[in-house]
């Protein structure tokens, strides 16, 4: 993170929004937290479905690659 562009108000707003999201969707947040805490090995399949009101469900998936794991580790190291 570039500290020259650090905006504390933006950070507080993002934290507040995330807290609202966690409050509105606790099962989803707990599920994602559990998945990433236990690890997501290469070859895992991530699938997501979205059903918009009045439309049919759309589903897609991806197989986790070594490069995906490297990206997630690099992002995690930025904290």
N, C-alpha and C. Protein backbone atom coordinates (compact mmCIF):
# COMPACT_ATOMS: atom_id res chain seq x y z
N UNK A 1 0.85 -1.17 0.00
CA UNK A 1 0.00 0.00 0.00
C UNK A 1 0.90 1.24 0.00
N UNK A 2 0.59 2.18 -0.87
CA UNK A 2 1.33 3.43 -0.93
C UNK A 2 0.80 4.37 0.14
N UNK A 3 1.62 4.64 1.15
CA UNK A 3 1.18 5.46 2.28
C UNK A 3 0.97 6.92 1.89
N UNK A 4 1.53 7.36 0.74
CA UNK A 4 1.30 8.74 0.29
C UNK A 4 -0.14 8.96 -0.09
N UNK A 5 -0.83 7.89 -0.51
CA UNK A 5 -2.23 8.00 -0.92
C UNK A 5 -3.19 7.46 0.14
N UNK A 6 -2.70 7.21 1.34
CA UNK A 6 -3.53 6.64 2.39
C UNK A 6 -4.58 7.64 2.84
N UNK A 7 -5.83 7.22 2.83
CA UNK A 7 -6.94 8.07 3.23
C UNK A 7 -7.68 7.39 4.39
N UNK A 8 -7.45 7.86 5.62
CA UNK A 8 -8.09 7.21 6.78
C UNK A 8 -9.61 7.21 6.71
N UNK A 9 -10.21 8.25 6.15
CA UNK A 9 -11.66 8.30 6.06
C UNK A 9 -12.18 7.21 5.13
N UNK A 10 -11.46 6.98 4.04
CA UNK A 10 -11.86 5.94 3.11
C UNK A 10 -11.74 4.56 3.77
N UNK A 11 -10.70 4.36 4.56
CA UNK A 11 -10.52 3.10 5.28
C UNK A 11 -11.67 2.89 6.27
N UNK A 12 -12.02 3.92 7.01
CA UNK A 12 -13.13 3.81 7.98
C UNK A 12 -14.44 3.51 7.27
N UNK A 13 -14.68 4.15 6.12
CA UNK A 13 -15.91 3.91 5.36
C UNK A 13 -15.94 2.46 4.86
N UNK A 14 -14.80 1.96 4.38
CA UNK A 14 -14.74 0.59 3.89
C UNK A 14 -14.96 -0.40 5.04
N UNK A 15 -14.37 -0.13 6.19
CA UNK A 15 -14.56 -1.01 7.35
C UNK A 15 -16.01 -1.02 7.78
N UNK A 16 -16.65 0.14 7.76
CA UNK A 16 -18.05 0.22 8.12
C UNK A 16 -18.92 -0.56 7.13
N UNK A 17 -18.62 -0.42 5.86
CA UNK A 17 -19.37 -1.16 4.83
C UNK A 17 -19.17 -2.66 4.99
N UNK A 18 -17.94 -3.09 5.28
CA UNK A 18 -17.68 -4.51 5.45
C UNK A 18 -18.39 -5.04 6.69
N UNK A 19 -18.42 -4.26 7.76
CA UNK A 19 -19.15 -4.69 8.96
C UNK A 19 -20.63 -4.84 8.68
N UNK A 20 -21.19 -3.96 7.88
CA UNK A 20 -22.60 -4.08 7.48
C UNK A 20 -22.80 -5.35 6.66
N UNK A 21 -21.88 -5.60 5.71
CA UNK A 21 -21.95 -6.80 4.88
C UNK A 21 -21.91 -8.05 5.76
N UNK A 22 -20.98 -8.09 6.74
CA UNK A 22 -20.87 -9.24 7.64
C UNK A 22 -22.16 -9.43 8.45
N UNK A 23 -22.75 -8.32 8.88
CA UNK A 23 -23.99 -8.39 9.65
C UNK A 23 -25.15 -8.90 8.79
N UNK A 24 -25.19 -8.48 7.54
CA UNK A 24 -26.26 -8.88 6.63
C UNK A 24 -26.12 -10.31 6.13
N UNK A 25 -24.87 -10.81 6.05
CA UNK A 25 -24.61 -12.11 5.43
C UNK A 25 -23.64 -12.96 6.27
N UNK A 26 -23.95 -13.23 7.53
CA UNK A 26 -22.99 -13.92 8.41
C UNK A 26 -22.63 -15.32 7.94
N UNK A 27 -23.57 -16.07 7.40
CA UNK A 27 -23.26 -17.43 6.95
C UNK A 27 -22.27 -17.41 5.79
N UNK A 28 -22.44 -16.48 4.87
CA UNK A 28 -21.54 -16.37 3.72
C UNK A 28 -20.14 -16.00 4.17
N UNK A 29 -20.03 -15.02 5.06
CA UNK A 29 -18.72 -14.58 5.55
C UNK A 29 -18.03 -15.70 6.31
N UNK A 30 -18.76 -16.42 7.14
CA UNK A 30 -18.18 -17.54 7.89
C UNK A 30 -17.72 -18.64 6.95
N UNK A 31 -18.50 -18.92 5.90
CA UNK A 31 -18.14 -19.94 4.92
C UNK A 31 -16.83 -19.57 4.21
N UNK A 32 -16.73 -18.35 3.71
CA UNK A 32 -15.52 -17.90 3.01
C UNK A 32 -14.33 -17.93 3.96
N UNK A 33 -14.53 -17.48 5.18
CA UNK A 33 -13.45 -17.48 6.17
C UNK A 33 -12.94 -18.90 6.43
N UNK A 34 -13.87 -19.86 6.58
CA UNK A 34 -13.50 -21.24 6.84
C UNK A 34 -12.74 -21.83 5.66
N UNK A 35 -13.18 -21.56 4.45
CA UNK A 35 -12.52 -22.09 3.25
C UNK A 35 -11.08 -21.60 3.18
N UNK A 36 -10.86 -20.30 3.37
CA UNK A 36 -9.51 -19.77 3.22
C UNK A 36 -8.62 -20.10 4.42
N UNK A 37 -9.19 -20.28 5.60
CA UNK A 37 -8.38 -20.67 6.76
C UNK A 37 -7.88 -22.11 6.64
N UNK A 38 -8.68 -22.97 6.02
CA UNK A 38 -8.28 -24.37 5.89
C UNK A 38 -7.46 -24.60 4.63
N UNK A 39 -7.31 -23.59 3.82
CA UNK A 39 -6.49 -23.70 2.61
C UNK A 39 -7.31 -24.10 1.41
N UNK A 40 -6.85 -23.67 0.26
CA UNK A 40 -7.52 -23.97 -1.00
C UNK A 40 -6.46 -24.54 -1.94
N UNK A 41 -6.26 -25.87 -1.90
CA UNK A 41 -5.16 -26.45 -2.67
C UNK A 41 -5.41 -26.42 -4.18
N UNK A 42 -4.30 -26.52 -4.92
CA UNK A 42 -4.37 -26.59 -6.38
C UNK A 42 -5.29 -27.75 -6.76
N UNK A 43 -6.11 -27.54 -7.77
CA UNK A 43 -7.05 -28.56 -8.22
C UNK A 43 -8.44 -28.41 -7.62
N UNK A 44 -8.58 -27.56 -6.58
CA UNK A 44 -9.90 -27.29 -6.01
C UNK A 44 -10.76 -26.60 -7.08
N UNK A 45 -12.05 -26.83 -7.02
CA UNK A 45 -12.99 -26.20 -7.96
C UNK A 45 -13.81 -25.18 -7.18
N UNK A 46 -13.82 -23.95 -7.69
CA UNK A 46 -14.68 -22.90 -7.13
C UNK A 46 -15.83 -22.71 -8.10
N UNK A 47 -17.05 -22.80 -7.59
CA UNK A 47 -18.23 -22.64 -8.43
C UNK A 47 -19.11 -21.57 -7.83
N UNK A 48 -19.66 -20.72 -8.69
CA UNK A 48 -20.55 -19.68 -8.21
C UNK A 48 -21.77 -19.61 -9.12
N UNK A 49 -22.92 -19.42 -8.49
CA UNK A 49 -24.18 -19.28 -9.21
C UNK A 49 -24.83 -17.96 -8.82
N UNK A 50 -25.47 -17.34 -9.79
CA UNK A 50 -26.20 -16.10 -9.55
C UNK A 50 -27.57 -16.24 -10.19
N UNK A 51 -28.61 -15.94 -9.41
CA UNK A 51 -29.97 -15.93 -9.93
C UNK A 51 -30.53 -14.52 -9.72
N UNK A 52 -30.66 -13.80 -10.81
CA UNK A 52 -31.25 -12.45 -10.75
C UNK A 52 -32.77 -12.59 -10.73
N UNK A 53 -33.46 -11.65 -10.06
CA UNK A 53 -34.93 -11.73 -10.02
C UNK A 53 -35.52 -11.82 -11.43
N UNK A 54 -36.37 -12.82 -11.63
CA UNK A 54 -37.05 -12.98 -12.90
C UNK A 54 -36.18 -13.58 -14.00
N UNK A 55 -34.96 -14.02 -13.68
CA UNK A 55 -34.08 -14.60 -14.69
C UNK A 55 -33.63 -15.99 -14.25
N UNK A 56 -33.11 -16.74 -15.21
CA UNK A 56 -32.60 -18.07 -14.90
C UNK A 56 -31.24 -17.98 -14.23
N UNK A 57 -30.94 -19.01 -13.47
CA UNK A 57 -29.66 -19.08 -12.77
C UNK A 57 -28.52 -19.21 -13.77
N UNK A 58 -27.43 -18.48 -13.50
CA UNK A 58 -26.20 -18.60 -14.28
C UNK A 58 -25.13 -19.16 -13.35
N UNK A 59 -24.36 -20.12 -13.84
CA UNK A 59 -23.33 -20.77 -13.03
C UNK A 59 -22.04 -20.84 -13.82
N UNK A 60 -20.93 -20.64 -13.12
CA UNK A 60 -19.62 -20.82 -13.71
C UNK A 60 -18.70 -21.42 -12.67
N UNK A 61 -17.53 -21.92 -13.11
CA UNK A 61 -16.59 -22.47 -12.15
C UNK A 61 -15.17 -22.28 -12.67
N UNK A 62 -14.23 -22.50 -11.77
CA UNK A 62 -12.81 -22.44 -12.14
C UNK A 62 -12.05 -23.45 -11.30
N UNK A 63 -11.01 -24.00 -11.89
CA UNK A 63 -10.12 -24.90 -11.16
C UNK A 63 -8.95 -24.05 -10.65
N UNK A 64 -8.65 -24.17 -9.36
CA UNK A 64 -7.56 -23.40 -8.76
C UNK A 64 -6.22 -23.91 -9.30
N UNK A 65 -5.43 -22.96 -9.82
CA UNK A 65 -4.10 -23.26 -10.36
C UNK A 65 -3.03 -22.79 -9.39
N UNK A 66 -1.82 -23.27 -9.57
CA UNK A 66 -0.70 -22.84 -8.74
C UNK A 66 -0.53 -21.32 -8.81
N UNK A 67 -0.70 -20.73 -10.00
CA UNK A 67 -0.56 -19.27 -10.14
C UNK A 67 -1.63 -18.52 -9.35
N UNK A 68 -2.82 -19.11 -9.20
CA UNK A 68 -3.88 -18.49 -8.39
C UNK A 68 -3.46 -18.46 -6.92
N UNK A 69 -2.86 -19.56 -6.46
CA UNK A 69 -2.40 -19.65 -5.08
C UNK A 69 -1.29 -18.64 -4.84
N UNK A 70 -0.37 -18.51 -5.80
CA UNK A 70 0.70 -17.53 -5.68
C UNK A 70 0.14 -16.11 -5.59
N UNK A 71 -0.88 -15.80 -6.40
CA UNK A 71 -1.51 -14.47 -6.35
C UNK A 71 -2.14 -14.23 -4.99
N UNK A 72 -2.89 -15.21 -4.46
CA UNK A 72 -3.53 -15.05 -3.17
C UNK A 72 -2.51 -14.85 -2.06
N UNK A 73 -1.40 -15.61 -2.13
CA UNK A 73 -0.34 -15.43 -1.13
C UNK A 73 0.30 -14.07 -1.23
N UNK A 74 0.50 -13.56 -2.44
CA UNK A 74 1.09 -12.23 -2.61
C UNK A 74 0.16 -11.15 -2.06
N UNK A 75 -1.14 -11.31 -2.30
CA UNK A 75 -2.11 -10.34 -1.78
C UNK A 75 -2.18 -10.40 -0.26
N UNK A 76 -2.10 -11.61 0.28
CA UNK A 76 -2.14 -11.79 1.73
C UNK A 76 -0.92 -11.13 2.37
N UNK A 77 0.23 -11.21 1.71
CA UNK A 77 1.47 -10.63 2.24
C UNK A 77 1.45 -9.12 2.22
N UNK A 78 0.51 -8.50 1.51
CA UNK A 78 0.41 -7.04 1.44
C UNK A 78 -0.22 -6.44 2.69
N UNK A 79 -0.84 -7.25 3.50
CA UNK A 79 -1.52 -6.75 4.71
C UNK A 79 -0.58 -6.12 5.67
